[in-house]
N, C-alpha and C. Protein backbone atom coordinates (compact mmCIF):
# COMPACT_ATOMS: atom_id res chain seq x y z
N MET A 1 -159.71 28.32 -6.20
CA MET A 1 -160.39 28.57 -7.46
C MET A 1 -161.06 29.94 -7.39
N SER A 2 -161.01 30.63 -8.49
CA SER A 2 -161.65 31.94 -8.57
C SER A 2 -163.16 31.81 -8.55
N LYS A 3 -163.81 32.91 -8.27
CA LYS A 3 -165.26 32.91 -8.15
C LYS A 3 -165.97 33.33 -9.43
N PHE A 4 -165.24 33.39 -10.55
CA PHE A 4 -165.90 33.77 -11.79
C PHE A 4 -166.74 32.62 -12.34
N THR A 5 -167.63 32.94 -13.28
CA THR A 5 -168.48 31.94 -13.91
C THR A 5 -167.62 30.94 -14.66
N ALA A 6 -167.87 29.66 -14.41
CA ALA A 6 -167.09 28.62 -15.08
C ALA A 6 -167.29 28.69 -16.59
N GLY A 7 -166.27 28.30 -17.32
CA GLY A 7 -166.33 28.28 -18.78
C GLY A 7 -166.74 26.92 -19.28
N PRO A 8 -166.82 26.73 -20.56
CA PRO A 8 -166.50 27.75 -21.56
C PRO A 8 -167.64 28.76 -21.68
N TRP A 9 -167.27 29.98 -22.04
CA TRP A 9 -168.27 31.01 -22.26
C TRP A 9 -168.68 31.01 -23.72
N GLN A 10 -169.92 31.41 -23.96
CA GLN A 10 -170.51 31.37 -25.29
C GLN A 10 -170.80 32.81 -25.75
N VAL A 11 -170.72 33.02 -27.06
CA VAL A 11 -171.03 34.35 -27.59
C VAL A 11 -172.30 34.29 -28.43
N HIS A 12 -173.06 35.35 -28.36
CA HIS A 12 -174.24 35.53 -29.19
C HIS A 12 -174.42 37.02 -29.39
N GLY A 13 -174.17 37.48 -30.61
CA GLY A 13 -174.22 38.92 -30.87
C GLY A 13 -173.19 39.63 -30.03
N SER A 14 -173.62 40.63 -29.29
CA SER A 14 -172.69 41.39 -28.45
C SER A 14 -172.62 40.84 -27.03
N HIS A 15 -173.34 39.75 -26.75
CA HIS A 15 -173.40 39.19 -25.41
C HIS A 15 -172.47 38.00 -25.24
N VAL A 16 -171.96 37.85 -24.02
CA VAL A 16 -171.16 36.70 -23.64
C VAL A 16 -171.89 36.02 -22.49
N TYR A 17 -172.18 34.72 -22.67
CA TYR A 17 -172.94 33.96 -21.69
C TYR A 17 -172.07 32.86 -21.10
N GLY A 18 -172.46 32.43 -19.89
CA GLY A 18 -171.84 31.26 -19.29
C GLY A 18 -172.30 30.03 -20.05
N PRO A 19 -171.82 28.85 -19.62
CA PRO A 19 -172.18 27.62 -20.33
C PRO A 19 -173.67 27.30 -20.18
N ASP A 20 -174.21 26.62 -21.16
CA ASP A 20 -175.60 26.16 -21.07
C ASP A 20 -175.71 25.16 -19.93
N PRO A 21 -176.82 24.93 -19.30
CA PRO A 21 -178.12 25.50 -19.62
C PRO A 21 -178.42 26.81 -18.91
N GLU A 22 -177.52 27.32 -18.10
CA GLU A 22 -177.80 28.52 -17.31
C GLU A 22 -178.01 29.77 -18.18
N ARG A 23 -177.22 29.91 -19.22
CA ARG A 23 -177.24 31.10 -20.09
C ARG A 23 -177.09 32.38 -19.26
N GLU A 24 -176.25 32.29 -18.23
CA GLU A 24 -175.96 33.44 -17.39
C GLU A 24 -175.22 34.48 -18.23
N LEU A 25 -175.72 35.72 -18.22
CA LEU A 25 -175.05 36.79 -18.94
C LEU A 25 -173.80 37.19 -18.17
N VAL A 26 -172.64 37.04 -18.82
CA VAL A 26 -171.37 37.38 -18.20
C VAL A 26 -170.99 38.81 -18.55
N ALA A 27 -171.20 39.19 -19.82
CA ALA A 27 -170.80 40.52 -20.26
C ALA A 27 -171.50 40.88 -21.55
N GLN A 28 -171.55 42.17 -21.81
CA GLN A 28 -171.99 42.66 -23.11
C GLN A 28 -170.90 43.58 -23.62
N ALA A 29 -170.38 43.26 -24.79
CA ALA A 29 -169.29 44.04 -25.36
C ALA A 29 -169.84 45.20 -26.17
N HIS A 30 -169.14 46.31 -26.13
CA HIS A 30 -169.51 47.49 -26.90
C HIS A 30 -168.38 47.83 -27.84
N GLY A 31 -168.73 48.40 -28.97
CA GLY A 31 -167.73 48.74 -29.98
C GLY A 31 -167.47 50.22 -30.05
N ASN A 32 -167.51 50.73 -31.26
CA ASN A 32 -167.16 52.12 -31.51
C ASN A 32 -168.32 53.08 -31.28
N GLY A 33 -169.46 52.57 -30.83
CA GLY A 33 -170.60 53.43 -30.60
C GLY A 33 -171.39 53.73 -31.85
N ASP A 34 -171.07 53.03 -32.96
CA ASP A 34 -171.78 53.29 -34.21
C ASP A 34 -172.91 52.30 -34.45
N GLY A 35 -173.17 51.41 -33.50
CA GLY A 35 -174.26 50.45 -33.62
C GLY A 35 -173.98 49.32 -34.58
N SER A 36 -172.74 49.15 -35.01
CA SER A 36 -172.43 48.14 -36.02
C SER A 36 -171.92 46.85 -35.39
N TRP A 37 -172.56 46.38 -34.33
CA TRP A 37 -172.09 45.19 -33.64
C TRP A 37 -172.20 43.95 -34.49
N THR A 38 -173.00 43.97 -35.55
CA THR A 38 -173.15 42.80 -36.40
C THR A 38 -172.08 42.74 -37.48
N ALA A 39 -171.25 43.74 -37.59
CA ALA A 39 -170.21 43.75 -38.62
C ALA A 39 -169.26 42.57 -38.42
N VAL A 40 -168.86 41.98 -39.51
CA VAL A 40 -167.95 40.83 -39.46
C VAL A 40 -166.52 41.32 -39.59
N GLY A 41 -165.68 40.91 -38.64
CA GLY A 41 -164.25 41.25 -38.69
C GLY A 41 -164.01 42.74 -38.53
N GLY A 42 -162.90 43.08 -37.94
CA GLY A 42 -162.50 44.47 -37.81
C GLY A 42 -163.28 45.27 -36.78
N SER A 43 -164.39 44.77 -36.32
CA SER A 43 -165.20 45.49 -35.34
C SER A 43 -164.56 45.38 -33.96
N ARG A 44 -164.42 46.50 -33.31
CA ARG A 44 -163.85 46.50 -31.95
C ARG A 44 -164.72 45.67 -31.02
N MET A 45 -166.04 45.73 -31.19
CA MET A 45 -166.94 44.96 -30.34
C MET A 45 -166.68 43.47 -30.50
N VAL A 46 -166.53 43.01 -31.74
CA VAL A 46 -166.30 41.59 -31.99
C VAL A 46 -164.99 41.15 -31.32
N SER A 47 -163.96 41.95 -31.45
CA SER A 47 -162.68 41.63 -30.84
C SER A 47 -162.79 41.60 -29.32
N ASN A 48 -163.46 42.59 -28.74
CA ASN A 48 -163.66 42.63 -27.29
C ASN A 48 -164.45 41.43 -26.81
N ARG A 49 -165.53 41.12 -27.53
CA ARG A 49 -166.39 39.99 -27.17
C ARG A 49 -165.61 38.69 -27.20
N ASN A 50 -164.79 38.48 -28.23
CA ASN A 50 -164.02 37.25 -28.34
C ASN A 50 -163.00 37.12 -27.23
N LEU A 51 -162.37 38.22 -26.87
CA LEU A 51 -161.39 38.20 -25.78
C LEU A 51 -162.07 37.87 -24.45
N ILE A 52 -163.22 38.47 -24.21
CA ILE A 52 -163.97 38.20 -22.98
C ILE A 52 -164.38 36.73 -22.94
N ALA A 53 -164.89 36.21 -24.04
CA ALA A 53 -165.35 34.82 -24.09
C ALA A 53 -164.21 33.83 -23.86
N ALA A 54 -162.99 34.20 -24.23
CA ALA A 54 -161.84 33.32 -24.07
C ALA A 54 -161.24 33.38 -22.67
N ALA A 55 -161.75 34.25 -21.80
CA ALA A 55 -161.15 34.46 -20.48
C ALA A 55 -160.99 33.19 -19.66
N PRO A 56 -161.98 32.31 -19.56
CA PRO A 56 -161.78 31.10 -18.74
C PRO A 56 -160.64 30.22 -19.26
N GLU A 57 -160.58 30.05 -20.58
CA GLU A 57 -159.52 29.22 -21.17
C GLU A 57 -158.16 29.90 -21.00
N LEU A 58 -158.10 31.21 -21.17
CA LEU A 58 -156.84 31.93 -20.97
C LEU A 58 -156.37 31.80 -19.53
N TYR A 59 -157.29 31.93 -18.60
CA TYR A 59 -156.97 31.81 -17.18
C TYR A 59 -156.38 30.43 -16.87
N GLU A 60 -157.07 29.38 -17.30
CA GLU A 60 -156.61 28.02 -17.03
C GLU A 60 -155.27 27.75 -17.71
N ALA A 61 -155.11 28.20 -18.95
CA ALA A 61 -153.84 27.98 -19.67
C ALA A 61 -152.69 28.68 -18.96
N LEU A 62 -152.94 29.87 -18.45
CA LEU A 62 -151.88 30.60 -17.75
C LEU A 62 -151.52 29.94 -16.42
N ILE A 63 -152.51 29.40 -15.73
CA ILE A 63 -152.22 28.66 -14.50
C ILE A 63 -151.30 27.49 -14.82
N ASP A 64 -151.64 26.73 -15.86
CA ASP A 64 -150.81 25.59 -16.26
C ASP A 64 -149.43 26.05 -16.70
N LEU A 65 -149.37 27.14 -17.44
CA LEU A 65 -148.10 27.65 -17.95
C LEU A 65 -147.17 28.05 -16.81
N VAL A 66 -147.74 28.68 -15.80
CA VAL A 66 -146.94 29.08 -14.64
C VAL A 66 -146.43 27.84 -13.91
N GLY A 67 -147.26 26.79 -13.83
CA GLY A 67 -146.87 25.57 -13.14
C GLY A 67 -145.72 24.86 -13.82
N CYS A 68 -145.84 24.64 -15.08
CA CYS A 68 -144.77 24.01 -15.86
C CYS A 68 -145.14 24.08 -17.33
N THR A 69 -144.19 24.38 -18.13
CA THR A 69 -144.44 24.49 -19.56
C THR A 69 -144.21 23.13 -20.21
N THR A 70 -145.27 22.60 -20.80
CA THR A 70 -145.22 21.33 -21.52
C THR A 70 -145.87 21.54 -22.88
N ASP A 71 -145.76 20.55 -23.75
CA ASP A 71 -146.42 20.63 -25.06
C ASP A 71 -147.93 20.78 -24.89
N LYS A 72 -148.50 20.07 -23.90
CA LYS A 72 -149.94 20.15 -23.65
C LYS A 72 -150.32 21.56 -23.23
N THR A 73 -149.52 22.16 -22.36
CA THR A 73 -149.78 23.52 -21.88
C THR A 73 -149.69 24.52 -23.03
N LEU A 74 -148.66 24.38 -23.86
CA LEU A 74 -148.52 25.29 -25.00
C LEU A 74 -149.68 25.14 -25.96
N LYS A 75 -150.16 23.93 -26.18
CA LYS A 75 -151.31 23.69 -27.06
C LYS A 75 -152.55 24.38 -26.49
N ALA A 76 -152.78 24.26 -25.19
CA ALA A 76 -153.93 24.90 -24.55
C ALA A 76 -153.83 26.42 -24.64
N ALA A 77 -152.63 26.95 -24.44
CA ALA A 77 -152.44 28.40 -24.53
C ALA A 77 -152.69 28.88 -25.94
N ARG A 78 -152.19 28.15 -26.94
CA ARG A 78 -152.44 28.53 -28.34
C ARG A 78 -153.92 28.48 -28.68
N ALA A 79 -154.63 27.47 -28.19
CA ALA A 79 -156.06 27.34 -28.45
C ALA A 79 -156.84 28.49 -27.82
N ALA A 80 -156.47 28.87 -26.60
CA ALA A 80 -157.14 29.99 -25.92
C ALA A 80 -156.88 31.29 -26.66
N LEU A 81 -155.65 31.50 -27.12
CA LEU A 81 -155.34 32.72 -27.88
C LEU A 81 -156.09 32.74 -29.21
N ALA A 82 -156.21 31.59 -29.86
CA ALA A 82 -156.96 31.51 -31.12
C ALA A 82 -158.42 31.88 -30.89
N LYS A 83 -159.00 31.41 -29.78
CA LYS A 83 -160.40 31.74 -29.46
C LYS A 83 -160.53 33.24 -29.23
N ALA A 84 -159.58 33.82 -28.52
CA ALA A 84 -159.63 35.26 -28.26
C ALA A 84 -159.51 36.06 -29.56
N ASP A 85 -158.79 35.50 -30.55
CA ASP A 85 -158.64 36.16 -31.84
C ASP A 85 -159.82 35.89 -32.78
N GLY A 86 -160.81 35.10 -32.31
CA GLY A 86 -162.01 34.87 -33.10
C GLY A 86 -162.04 33.58 -33.87
N ALA A 87 -161.00 32.77 -33.81
CA ALA A 87 -161.00 31.47 -34.47
C ALA A 87 -161.71 30.48 -33.56
N GLN A 88 -162.71 29.84 -34.04
CA GLN A 88 -163.47 28.90 -33.22
C GLN A 88 -163.05 27.49 -33.49
């Protein structure tokens, strides 16, 4: 098992945290440098933050996918990709 913070990771503003109750800061995403991190959609920061937050699920889905491709594995991979794209 990797030594990264266990998921699921949570987002709040530009910050990505580990699961509660620890609220361990995993990352802070930055955008275009214009300070518009609160912008909805289209913001590079929002896209970066969502991709970072989806990392644990993407990692696990890829491990399963490499092992064997099943309907369950494809569903998990699709869900992880949706999270990375900002769909909750």
